[in-house]
Amino acid sequence: MTQANTADRRQFFRQLLGNTASQAAQRAPWRRVPEVGAGDGDVLWSGWAGDGNVLVVGDEGMILRYHATADDTSAQWQRMKVPTNLPLHSLWGPDVDQLIAVGWMGSVLHFDGTEWQQRRGGVVDDNGRFAACAENTPLFAIDGNANGQAWAVGDDGMILHFDGSEWAIEPAPTQINLRAVVCSPKGTVYAAGGEGTVLQRGLDGHWVALDCPLGSGFQAMLLMDDDELLLAGGRYFVDAAGFRGELVRYREGRFQALTFNTPMPRLRSLKAYKGGVLIVGDQGHLYYLKDHRLDRLESNSNHDLMDIVTLPTGEALAVGDFGTIMTAAVDFTAALAAPPSAPARSPWVAMESPTDRQLWGIHEAADGTCYVCGEAGTVLVLEGERWRALPAPSELSVHCLCDTGNGLFAAGQLGRIYRFDGSQWQLHFDLHLDVTILAMWGNAPDSIFAVGDEGLILHFDGLGWKRMPSGTQSALYGLWGWGSDRLLAVGDFGLVLRYNGKEWASFNVGTENFLYDVWGPALDDIYTVGLSGTLAHFNGSRWQLQPTRIRDDLLSVSGTSANNAYAVGTRGCILRLEEGQWMAEPSGSDDGLRAVCATQSGAVYAVGDRGAILRREQA
């Protein structure tokens, strides 16, 4: 299996939803946030949250900002100074000092953290009136990607592209009014609007119209996966003398109208929320969608709701007519912008690394020597306090290492295993398949196991490597053992295989999230970690999922005892096991951490992206 396919599956399964969040979302009543500073005549159209800030945009150039600081207990919403009084409809940006607002008469405003500046729109003719030109075409939605590019859409099929410095019009295959735009992490961009219009921008930069047989007036889109959309909007029906809300799913190249017994007014926005989808619409309607079940939430309002602003805390705001800002959070101040605190001192320190390659694995040999492996044949050895690069076994990536006393083995791409005799590498085994070996474990020179893509399991008996039947074609990412007849392997869709010395059999954990590693000090004390903070514990009789309060993927787990264990993952995430509870601790790094090793000497090492190597200081 290729790395790209693995990444695709990981991203898709981040969308899997949890029941606990679903129940909580359905019970929570929504209430207005007090002291907002917007009046009953103000329409709030959209917003943005991050970096301890919340910004909301609306009519008459209104931009409200809420910012809480550690020494400001009476923080209030404040109206920002803006160089226009035109309505602002949408807001996007990667950071609080890189925000873009778009709105009426083609208004495009940029915020640099200090002031707002107008970049486009609002062109006035010699008579002081707004000119009839393309630049004044009203804009209603904006979205961007991690590279800082953005797309804004509006009336008459208008599509604007921001390349990070300049705005330019992109030709559109329609003149229908567009009301929604969303960017896929893979580079695809979608836009939607009236009369069932859905457009797709390919990687070549060209827009094409998708064949949607439905006539919905789309107002919002939610990207469920790279090629799956949930669209919301409505149409006017004479018999109802008003709008009827509609939800449409686009998947595998087909559009499907979703039907529910609950009648809905026109829908304005939808966002991922607490394991499901939050939907807002006219007349104060709020809905929660999960697993094809639609529940109406208690809003205590009959004002039209225009958009949803998701918050870093997992809560959300609904904004709309009559200056409405609503939340289901009990403590809205904490939900809006939790006061920042001084960063905790990290017990982890960065070590000097002789490479900037991605590092995949770390291993403590039988004699206590530590090795690290990674991309392009990278193998490092720790000598004292410094890491030294060993000769590369090949140009292929090395994903795992193992030394049980009979030389260092390195395995990775193309199913190849190399052995290092202290001076040079030799090819020890070749599977002759495009299959990656992802993990190894051994407890003796004549007992080493390896697992990888497509259910691969290999065993070395001291004489040669032999393939073992696994009973699965799913990838296996992690491996741990307590002896040659007691091993666990973990992989796709919550798969756990147990080896009893004779055969491998399935061992149900109770999750469908991918599992990336497994470790335990004893057969009745085992941990496995995986996608979106998944962490499960086996107590000798059953598995139990444990809450971690994180969304980062956990990619590796290691320890020396029940009171000395660590799990690491994406974005520098580190958890430490303390008295049976996993607690987050600062790593001091934003680099993804792909492997951790708690050594018998007491030192703990974590390695990952861009050659990052961290060492934990001892208490």
Foldseek 3Di string as FASTA:
>chain_A
DDPVVVVQVLVLVLLFFDDVLVVVVQPFAKDFDPQQPDFQFKWWAEWEADPQKIWTFTAQGWIWMWHDAPPDPPTGIDTADEPTGHGWHEKDDPDPQFIWIFFAQLWIWTHRNPHIDTDFGPDADPVRHRDPDPRGFTWHYKDDEPQQKMWIFFAQGWIWIDPNDDIDTDDEPTGHTWAEKYAANVGKIWIFAFQGWIWIQDPVRDIDTADAPGGFGWHYWDDSHRQKIKTKFWDQDVVVNATWIWIWIGDPSYIDTQDDPDTHGTWAYWDDASRFIWTFFAQQWIWTDDPSDIHTHHHVGGHTWHYKYAYPLRWIWTGTHRRGTMTSDPPVSCRRGNHDDDADDFLKDWADFPFQFWWAEWDQAPVRWIWTFFAQQWIWTDDPRDIDTDDGLGGGGWREWYHQPQFIWTFFFQGWIWGDPPHHIDTQDGPNGRWTWAYKDANHCQWIWIFFAQGWIWTGRNPHIDTADAPGGFTWAEKDADDSQFIWTFFAQGWIWTGRNPYIDTDHQPGGFTWHYKDAPDLQWIWIFFAQGWIWTHRNPHIDTDDDSGGFTWHEKEADHQAGIWIFFAQGWIWTQHPNDTDTGGNVGGFTWHYKYQTPVGWIWTGGHRRIIMIRHDD
